[in-house]
Protein backbone atom coordinates (compact mmCIF):
# COMPACT_ATOMS: atom_id res chain seq x y z
CA UNK A 1 0.00 0.00 0.00
CA UNK A 2 1.29 3.51 -0.90
CA UNK A 3 1.77 6.17 1.69
CA UNK A 4 -0.05 9.44 1.08
CA UNK A 5 2.19 12.44 0.57
CA UNK A 6 0.83 15.57 2.20
CA UNK A 7 0.44 18.55 -0.16
CA UNK A 8 0.97 22.15 0.79
CA UNK A 9 -1.57 24.75 -0.15
CA UNK A 10 -0.47 27.45 -2.60
CA UNK A 11 0.82 30.54 -0.84
CA UNK A 12 -0.30 32.94 -3.56
CA UNK A 13 -3.93 33.88 -3.92
CA UNK A 14 -5.62 33.41 -7.26
CA UNK A 15 -7.14 36.54 -8.75
CA UNK A 16 -10.13 36.30 -11.04
CA UNK A 17 -9.24 38.87 -13.73
CA UNK A 18 -12.71 38.69 -15.23
CA UNK A 19 -13.99 40.77 -12.35
CA UNK A 20 -11.09 43.24 -12.16
CA UNK A 21 -12.45 46.63 -13.12
CA UNK A 22 -10.29 49.15 -14.99
CA UNK A 23 -9.79 52.59 -13.53
CA UNK A 24 -12.00 55.47 -14.61
CA UNK A 25 -11.39 56.87 -18.07
CA UNK A 26 -9.92 60.34 -17.86
CA UNK A 27 -10.41 62.75 -20.73
CA UNK A 28 -8.25 65.72 -21.57
CA UNK A 29 -9.58 69.06 -20.38
CA UNK A 30 -9.74 70.26 -24.00
CA UNK A 31 -12.75 68.02 -24.73
CA UNK A 32 -14.92 69.83 -22.17
CA UNK A 33 -14.36 73.35 -23.48
CA UNK A 34 -17.22 75.25 -25.15
CA UNK A 35 -15.06 75.59 -28.28
CA UNK A 36 -14.65 71.83 -28.59
CA UNK A 37 -18.34 71.19 -27.94
CA UNK A 38 -19.24 73.61 -30.75
CA UNK A 39 -16.62 72.04 -33.06
CA UNK A 40 -18.08 68.59 -32.33
CA UNK A 41 -21.63 69.72 -33.09
CA UNK A 42 -20.52 71.36 -36.33
CA UNK A 43 -18.66 68.23 -37.49
CA UNK A 44 -21.66 65.99 -36.81
CA UNK A 45 -24.10 68.48 -38.36
CA UNK A 46 -21.94 68.71 -41.50
CA UNK A 47 -22.05 64.90 -41.87
CA UNK A 48 -25.82 65.05 -42.31
CA UNK A 49 -26.56 62.15 -39.99
CA UNK A 50 -24.31 59.65 -41.76
CA UNK A 51 -21.14 57.91 -40.60
CA UNK A 52 -18.16 59.09 -42.62
CA UNK A 53 -16.12 55.96 -41.95
CA UNK A 54 -14.73 54.31 -45.07
CA UNK A 55 -17.51 52.16 -46.56
CA UNK A 56 -19.84 52.52 -43.55
CA UNK A 57 -22.60 55.10 -44.05
CA UNK A 58 -24.64 54.12 -40.97
CA UNK A 59 -27.44 56.50 -40.12
CA UNK A 60 -29.17 54.82 -37.15
CA UNK A 61 -26.68 55.46 -34.39
CA UNK A 62 -24.94 57.94 -32.11
CA UNK A 63 -22.04 59.76 -33.72
CA UNK A 64 -18.66 60.83 -32.43
CA UNK A 65 -16.83 63.86 -33.76
CA UNK A 66 -13.42 62.40 -34.50
CA UNK A 67 -10.14 64.16 -35.25
CA UNK A 68 -8.87 62.73 -38.55
CA UNK A 69 -5.29 63.50 -37.47
CA UNK A 70 -5.39 62.84 -33.74
CA UNK A 71 -4.35 65.58 -31.34
CA UNK A 72 -1.56 63.35 -29.99
CA UNK A 73 -0.22 63.16 -33.53
CA UNK A 74 -0.28 66.94 -34.07
CA UNK A 75 -3.78 67.32 -35.54
CA UNK A 76 -5.54 70.69 -35.35
CA UNK A 77 -7.93 70.71 -32.41
CA UNK A 78 -10.66 72.99 -33.76
CA UNK A 79 -10.20 72.86 -37.54
CA UNK A 80 -13.37 71.55 -39.20
CA UNK A 81 -11.23 70.07 -41.98
CA UNK A 82 -9.69 67.80 -39.33
CA UNK A 83 -13.06 66.41 -38.24
CA UNK A 84 -15.31 63.57 -39.28
CA UNK A 85 -18.45 62.05 -37.80
CA UNK A 86 -18.04 58.35 -37.01
CA UNK A 87 -20.35 55.70 -35.58
CA UNK A 88 -19.10 53.94 -32.45
CA UNK A 89 -17.72 50.96 -34.37
CA UNK A 90 -15.77 53.06 -36.86
CA UNK A 91 -14.54 55.40 -34.11
CA UNK A 92 -13.26 52.53 -31.98
CA UNK A 93 -11.57 50.84 -34.96
CA UNK A 94 -9.90 54.08 -36.11
CA UNK A 95 -8.74 55.01 -32.60
CA UNK A 96 -7.28 51.53 -31.96
CA UNK A 97 -5.42 51.59 -35.29
CA UNK A 98 -3.99 55.05 -34.58
CA UNK A 99 -2.89 53.94 -31.09
CA UNK A 100 -1.22 50.80 -32.50
CA UNK A 101 0.58 52.83 -35.19
CA UNK A 102 1.79 55.30 -32.56
CA UNK A 103 3.20 52.46 -30.41
CA UNK A 104 5.10 50.99 -33.34
CA UNK A 105 6.86 54.29 -33.75
């Protein structure tokens, strides 16, 4: 008959990362200024209720006024020529691609 070998319990706690909540999203102060709010409204109004994302054209959604050349990349903050109205999907895709390109240098 085999003798049972006692096992020690793990000393490190297991963390369930599915329930870990990220910190609050902080936005730059620029986005709360009256000038930016007016710029945003003008960009969305100019789009005529249609997403300007490449090949999208959605009309049934909330729009985001997006800087074509992002501010972090030197884009003009309040130039209407640097703005486009994007649906949430297109905005998220464009922002993620710009972030990835910036990280690659």
